Amino acid sequence: MYELYCRYRDKKKLKDSDVSRATGIPQSTFSDWKSGRSKPNTEKLLKIADLLDTSIEYLDEWKSDIITCPDCGFTYDSSDEKDILLHREEHGKWEKGTVLFGELICSPVINEKVKAKNRNISRDRNRSLEERYHAAITVLKCLFSRSVQHSGFDPGHVQFHQYIAMMLHNESYRKYLDDALCQKLLADYGTMDGIQNGESIYYVPRSPEDIPPAGLSLHKQHEKIVQYYDLLNDIGQHVATERVKELTEVPRYVKEDTHYVKAAHAIEGASQEDRQYDEDIMDHF
């Protein structure tokens, strides 16, 4: 538990003394925590979690075997050997992703918390343009992280600066920026095509071998899908179902007469305002 706290403290480049001053928690509390003599109560943990932009769930002792990794965002059963291996595999992808793309905020709870906090800062006209600018970049980092994660940490995903330019090309995103903030972002990053208006996910272009051969009947496609699905275990089938569900949330992949559920509503930990914000920028106008 203390090690998790240290991980997030170090990410913020803080010391126990800094956390103590910011939260009002006596520094002796951290010494006792480290030695195992005691641990902060819930009220103190909430203050620490808020300062470090994390969740109390990741600092408090786990109440069950079901864990969501605070780094890669993978939820697994820590008592199940297969789940542990699946997490190790996903975590490895996340680690490689951070090498390719820099910091990635992939925990749904932490992503939503950081995004909501910085979205509010970016809209606060009482703050300086520089503060609002950095907050807007952080919001984009959260959206970028979700996009990279959605791609399976595909090396073919665009880099962060390209992603920003693509989002700035997106009218449904720009409408949330005031003129001064929008102009500063445009001056630094410009615009480029690549993300469909109303979306925040970049879809890595498929390779030719991933495209079904011309003339392959719908019946044959269904057969191949069932064939692959039957090779999966229970966990794999669950993941496959979730992936197919994700595709139904992308307008360009859905039949015109199909009503789809917006992906923003599936994000755990999002407030109603955050969900509306995500829904607005993901709606296809």
Protein backbone atom coordinates (compact mmCIF):
# COMPACT_ATOMS: atom_id res chain seq x y z
CA MET A 1 0.00 0.00 0.00
CA TYR A 2 2.76 2.46 0.94
CA GLU A 3 4.67 1.43 -2.18
CA LEU A 4 1.68 2.39 -4.36
CA TYR A 5 1.55 5.75 -2.62
CA CYS A 6 5.27 6.26 -3.27
CA ARG A 7 4.78 5.44 -6.95
CA TYR A 8 2.20 8.20 -7.40
CA ARG A 9 4.09 10.60 -5.13
CA ASP A 10 7.26 10.14 -7.19
CA LYS A 11 5.33 10.62 -10.45
CA LYS A 12 4.35 14.05 -9.14
CA LYS A 13 7.99 14.64 -8.14
CA LEU A 14 6.92 15.24 -4.54
CA LYS A 15 8.32 14.29 -1.14
CA ASP A 16 6.40 13.29 1.99
CA SER A 17 7.06 16.78 3.32
CA ASP A 18 5.40 18.29 0.21
CA VAL A 19 2.35 16.04 0.61
CA SER A 20 2.19 16.92 4.31
CA ARG A 21 2.16 20.67 3.60
CA ALA A 22 -0.44 20.36 0.83
CA THR A 23 -2.83 18.10 2.77
CA GLY A 24 -2.23 19.15 6.38
CA ILE A 25 -1.39 15.56 7.30
CA PRO A 26 1.46 15.36 9.86
CA GLN A 27 4.68 14.02 8.37
CA SER A 28 4.88 11.48 11.21
CA THR A 29 1.81 9.80 9.66
CA PHE A 30 3.87 8.87 6.62
CA SER A 31 6.70 7.52 8.79
CA ASP A 32 4.23 5.34 10.71
CA TRP A 33 2.66 4.24 7.45
CA LYS A 34 6.02 3.27 5.99
CA SER A 35 7.03 1.28 9.09
CA GLY A 36 3.67 -0.49 9.23
CA ARG A 37 2.72 0.90 12.64
CA SER A 38 -0.43 2.46 11.23
CA LYS A 39 -2.02 3.74 8.04
CA PRO A 40 -3.90 6.94 7.19
CA ASN A 41 -7.65 6.84 7.77
CA THR A 42 -10.15 7.23 4.92
CA GLU A 43 -10.33 11.01 5.26
CA LYS A 44 -6.56 11.36 4.96
CA LEU A 45 -6.40 8.86 2.09
CA LEU A 46 -8.98 10.90 0.19
CA LYS A 47 -6.84 14.02 0.58
CA ILE A 48 -3.73 12.15 -0.60
CA ALA A 49 -5.56 10.56 -3.54
CA ASP A 50 -6.94 13.96 -4.61
CA LEU A 51 -3.50 15.58 -4.47
CA LEU A 52 -1.88 12.77 -6.46
CA ASP A 53 -4.69 12.55 -9.07
CA THR A 54 -5.42 8.94 -8.24
CA SER A 55 -8.19 6.98 -6.54
CA ILE A 56 -8.48 5.88 -2.95
CA GLU A 57 -9.06 2.37 -4.32
CA TYR A 58 -5.43 2.29 -5.44
CA LEU A 59 -4.09 3.43 -2.08
CA ASP A 60 -6.38 1.56 0.30
CA GLU A 61 -6.08 -2.17 0.90
CA TRP A 62 -8.02 -4.24 -1.58
CA LYS A 63 -11.37 -5.51 -0.31
CA SER A 64 -11.56 -8.32 -2.89
CA ASP A 65 -9.45 -10.29 -5.33
CA ILE A 66 -10.72 -8.26 -8.31
CA ILE A 67 -8.12 -5.63 -9.11
CA THR A 68 -7.87 -2.89 -11.74
CA CYS A 69 -4.23 -2.16 -12.47
CA PRO A 70 -3.63 1.58 -11.87
CA ASP A 71 -1.12 1.64 -14.74
CA CYS A 72 -2.48 -0.40 -17.66
CA GLY A 73 -6.13 -0.27 -16.56
CA PHE A 74 -6.61 -4.05 -16.90
CA THR A 75 -9.17 -5.57 -14.49
CA TYR A 76 -8.39 -9.12 -13.37
CA ASP A 77 -8.87 -11.69 -10.63
CA SER A 78 -5.64 -11.71 -8.58
CA SER A 79 -6.46 -15.20 -7.28
CA ASP A 80 -6.69 -16.72 -10.77
CA GLU A 81 -3.42 -17.79 -12.43
CA LYS A 82 -4.80 -17.33 -15.96
CA ASP A 83 -6.01 -13.83 -15.14
CA ILE A 84 -2.62 -12.98 -13.67
CA LEU A 85 -0.96 -14.08 -16.91
CA LEU A 86 -3.45 -12.06 -18.97
CA HIS A 87 -2.69 -9.00 -16.88
CA ARG A 88 1.03 -9.56 -17.27
CA GLU A 89 0.56 -9.68 -21.05
CA GLU A 90 -1.58 -6.51 -21.11
CA HIS A 91 0.78 -4.73 -18.74
CA GLY A 92 3.67 -5.60 -21.04
CA LYS A 93 1.82 -3.98 -23.94
CA TRP A 94 1.23 -0.89 -21.80
CA GLU A 95 4.91 -0.69 -20.88
CA LYS A 96 5.93 -0.91 -24.54
CA GLY A 97 3.26 1.68 -25.31
CA THR A 98 4.77 4.14 -22.84
CA VAL A 99 8.12 3.74 -24.59
CA LEU A 100 6.50 4.50 -27.97
CA PHE A 101 4.02 7.17 -26.91
CA GLY A 102 5.17 8.54 -23.54
CA GLU A 103 2.95 8.70 -20.47
CA LEU A 104 -0.38 6.90 -20.88
CA ILE A 105 -3.23 7.27 -18.38
CA CYS A 106 -5.07 4.00 -18.94
CA SER A 107 -6.88 3.43 -15.64
CA PRO A 108 -10.53 4.41 -16.36
CA VAL A 109 -11.03 5.90 -12.89
CA ILE A 110 -7.81 7.91 -12.89
CA ASN A 111 -8.27 8.95 -16.53
CA GLU A 112 -11.74 10.34 -15.80
CA LYS A 113 -10.60 12.07 -12.63
CA VAL A 114 -7.64 13.79 -14.29
CA LYS A 115 -9.71 14.72 -17.36
CA ALA A 116 -12.56 16.20 -15.34
CA LYS A 117 -10.22 18.23 -13.13
CA ASN A 118 -8.28 19.68 -16.05
CA ARG A 119 -11.33 20.22 -18.23
CA ASN A 120 -12.70 22.52 -15.53
CA ILE A 121 -9.40 24.39 -15.33
CA SER A 122 -9.25 24.82 -19.10
CA ARG A 123 -12.69 26.47 -19.04
CA ASP A 124 -12.00 28.78 -16.09
CA ARG A 125 -11.54 32.27 -17.58
CA ASN A 126 -10.23 33.51 -14.21
CA ARG A 127 -7.09 31.46 -14.76
CA SER A 128 -4.20 32.49 -16.97
CA LEU A 129 -4.04 31.38 -20.59
CA GLU A 130 -0.91 29.37 -19.76
CA GLU A 131 -2.75 27.44 -17.01
CA ARG A 132 -5.72 26.76 -19.26
CA TYR A 133 -3.42 25.72 -22.09
CA HIS A 134 -1.60 23.11 -19.98
CA ALA A 135 -4.93 21.85 -18.64
CA ALA A 136 -6.26 21.45 -22.21
CA ILE A 137 -3.12 19.48 -23.14
CA THR A 138 -3.73 17.19 -20.15
CA VAL A 139 -7.33 16.60 -21.25
CA LEU A 140 -6.02 15.68 -24.70
CA LYS A 141 -3.46 13.37 -23.07
CA CYS A 142 -6.34 11.52 -21.38
CA LEU A 143 -8.22 11.19 -24.66
CA PHE A 144 -5.01 10.15 -26.43
CA SER A 145 -4.35 7.48 -23.78
CA ARG A 146 -7.81 6.05 -24.31
CA SER A 147 -7.28 6.04 -28.07
CA VAL A 148 -3.91 4.25 -27.82
CA GLN A 149 -5.40 1.73 -25.40
CA HIS A 150 -8.35 1.18 -27.75
CA SER A 151 -5.88 0.32 -30.53
CA GLY A 152 -4.27 -2.34 -28.36
CA PHE A 153 -1.17 -0.12 -28.02
CA ASP A 154 -0.61 -0.54 -31.74
CA PRO A 155 2.77 0.92 -32.84
CA GLY A 156 0.93 2.26 -35.90
CA HIS A 157 -1.07 4.69 -33.76
CA VAL A 158 -0.17 8.34 -34.32
CA GLN A 159 2.01 10.23 -31.84
CA PHE A 160 0.59 12.69 -29.33
CA HIS A 161 1.42 15.85 -31.29
CA GLN A 162 -0.28 14.38 -34.37
CA TYR A 163 -3.29 13.35 -32.30
CA ILE A 164 -3.66 16.92 -31.00
CA ALA A 165 -3.56 18.27 -34.57
CA MET A 166 -6.24 15.76 -35.57
CA MET A 167 -8.47 16.72 -32.65
CA LEU A 168 -8.04 20.41 -33.51
CA HIS A 169 -9.22 19.55 -37.02
CA ASN A 170 -12.36 18.19 -35.34
CA GLU A 171 -15.04 20.90 -35.15
CA SER A 172 -16.96 19.11 -32.41
CA TYR A 173 -13.86 19.37 -30.18
CA ARG A 174 -12.90 22.96 -31.05
CA LYS A 175 -16.30 24.26 -29.95
CA TYR A 176 -15.26 23.61 -26.33
CA LEU A 177 -12.25 25.93 -26.64
CA ASP A 178 -12.42 29.70 -26.26
CA ASP A 179 -10.80 31.74 -29.03
CA ALA A 180 -7.54 32.54 -27.21
CA LEU A 181 -6.97 28.94 -26.13
CA CYS A 182 -7.90 27.57 -29.54
CA GLN A 183 -5.55 29.96 -31.34
CA LYS A 184 -2.64 29.06 -29.04
CA LEU A 185 -3.16 25.35 -29.61
CA LEU A 186 -3.50 25.86 -33.37
CA ALA A 187 -0.30 27.93 -33.44
CA ASP A 188 1.64 25.17 -31.66
CA TYR A 189 0.15 22.08 -33.32
CA GLY A 190 -1.78 23.07 -36.44
CA THR A 191 -4.40 20.71 -37.83
CA MET A 192 -4.40 17.51 -39.81
CA ASP A 193 -7.01 15.05 -40.97
CA GLY A 194 -7.24 11.62 -39.40
CA ILE A 195 -9.97 11.53 -36.75
CA GLN A 196 -13.55 11.64 -37.94
CA ASN A 197 -15.51 14.68 -36.75
CA GLY A 198 -17.36 13.80 -33.55
CA GLU A 199 -14.92 11.08 -32.47
CA SER A 200 -11.86 11.00 -30.24
CA ILE A 201 -10.47 7.61 -31.28
CA TYR A 202 -7.82 7.27 -33.98
CA TYR A 203 -8.27 4.08 -35.98
CA VAL A 204 -5.00 2.59 -37.19
CA PRO A 205 -5.28 1.81 -40.93
CA ARG A 206 -5.73 -1.88 -41.50
CA SER A 207 -3.17 -3.90 -43.42
CA PRO A 208 -4.30 -5.58 -46.67
CA GLU A 209 -4.28 -9.04 -45.08
CA ASP A 210 -6.83 -7.87 -42.49
CA ILE A 211 -9.33 -6.90 -45.21
CA PRO A 212 -11.73 -9.69 -46.23
CA PRO A 213 -11.15 -10.86 -49.83
CA ALA A 214 -13.53 -9.41 -52.41
CA GLY A 215 -16.46 -11.69 -52.95
CA LEU A 216 -16.29 -13.33 -49.51
CA SER A 217 -19.93 -13.93 -48.68
CA LEU A 218 -21.54 -12.70 -45.49
CA HIS A 219 -22.23 -16.32 -44.58
CA LYS A 220 -18.54 -17.19 -44.90
CA GLN A 221 -17.57 -14.17 -42.78
CA HIS A 222 -19.96 -15.35 -40.06
CA GLU A 223 -18.45 -18.83 -40.23
CA LYS A 224 -14.92 -17.46 -39.79
CA ILE A 225 -16.00 -15.31 -36.83
CA VAL A 226 -17.62 -18.31 -35.10
CA GLN A 227 -14.57 -20.45 -35.90
CA TYR A 228 -12.21 -17.98 -34.22
CA TYR A 229 -14.61 -17.37 -31.32
CA ASP A 230 -14.84 -21.09 -30.54
CA LEU A 231 -11.05 -21.23 -30.11
CA LEU A 232 -11.24 -18.82 -27.17
CA ASN A 233 -11.72 -19.68 -23.50
CA ASP A 234 -14.41 -18.01 -21.36
CA ILE A 235 -12.30 -14.92 -20.69
CA GLY A 236 -11.28 -14.61 -24.34
CA GLN A 237 -14.90 -14.89 -25.48
CA HIS A 238 -15.89 -12.17 -23.03
CA VAL A 239 -13.14 -9.88 -24.35
CA ALA A 240 -14.09 -10.66 -27.96
CA THR A 241 -17.72 -9.74 -27.23
CA GLU A 242 -16.60 -6.45 -25.70
CA ARG A 243 -14.47 -5.68 -28.79
CA VAL A 244 -17.43 -6.30 -31.10
CA LYS A 245 -19.59 -4.13 -28.86
CA GLU A 246 -17.00 -1.34 -29.17
CA LEU A 247 -17.32 -1.48 -32.95
CA THR A 248 -21.08 -0.94 -32.66
CA GLU A 249 -20.33 2.34 -30.89
CA VAL A 250 -18.47 3.71 -33.94
CA PRO A 251 -20.92 5.28 -36.42
CA ARG A 252 -18.96 4.46 -39.58
CA TYR A 253 -19.03 0.72 -38.75
CA VAL A 254 -22.75 0.57 -37.99
CA LYS A 255 -25.65 0.11 -40.40
CA GLU A 256 -27.60 3.32 -40.95
CA ASP A 257 -30.77 1.97 -39.31
CA THR A 258 -28.96 0.71 -36.20
CA HIS A 259 -29.16 2.59 -32.91
CA TYR A 260 -25.86 2.34 -31.06
CA VAL A 261 -24.93 2.94 -27.44
CA LYS A 262 -22.45 5.77 -27.02
CA ALA A 263 -19.09 4.70 -25.65
CA ALA A 264 -18.90 7.61 -23.21
CA HIS A 265 -21.72 6.09 -21.14
CA ALA A 266 -19.73 2.91 -20.58
CA ILE A 267 -16.86 4.67 -18.86
CA GLU A 268 -16.79 3.77 -15.20
CA GLY A 269 -16.20 6.66 -12.86
CA ALA A 270 -17.43 9.42 -15.17
CA SER A 271 -19.79 12.05 -13.80
CA GLN A 272 -22.92 12.99 -15.72
CA GLU A 273 -21.22 16.19 -16.91
CA ASP A 274 -18.13 14.26 -18.03
CA ARG A 275 -20.29 11.75 -19.87
CA GLN A 276 -22.16 14.53 -21.63
CA TYR A 277 -18.83 16.14 -22.56
CA ASP A 278 -17.48 12.88 -23.97
CA GLU A 279 -20.78 12.15 -25.67
CA ASP A 280 -20.74 15.56 -27.35
CA ILE A 281 -17.23 15.18 -28.75
CA MET A 282 -17.92 11.59 -29.82
CA ASP A 283 -21.29 12.25 -31.40
CA HIS A 284 -21.22 12.01 -35.19
CA PHE A 285 -22.92 15.14 -36.56
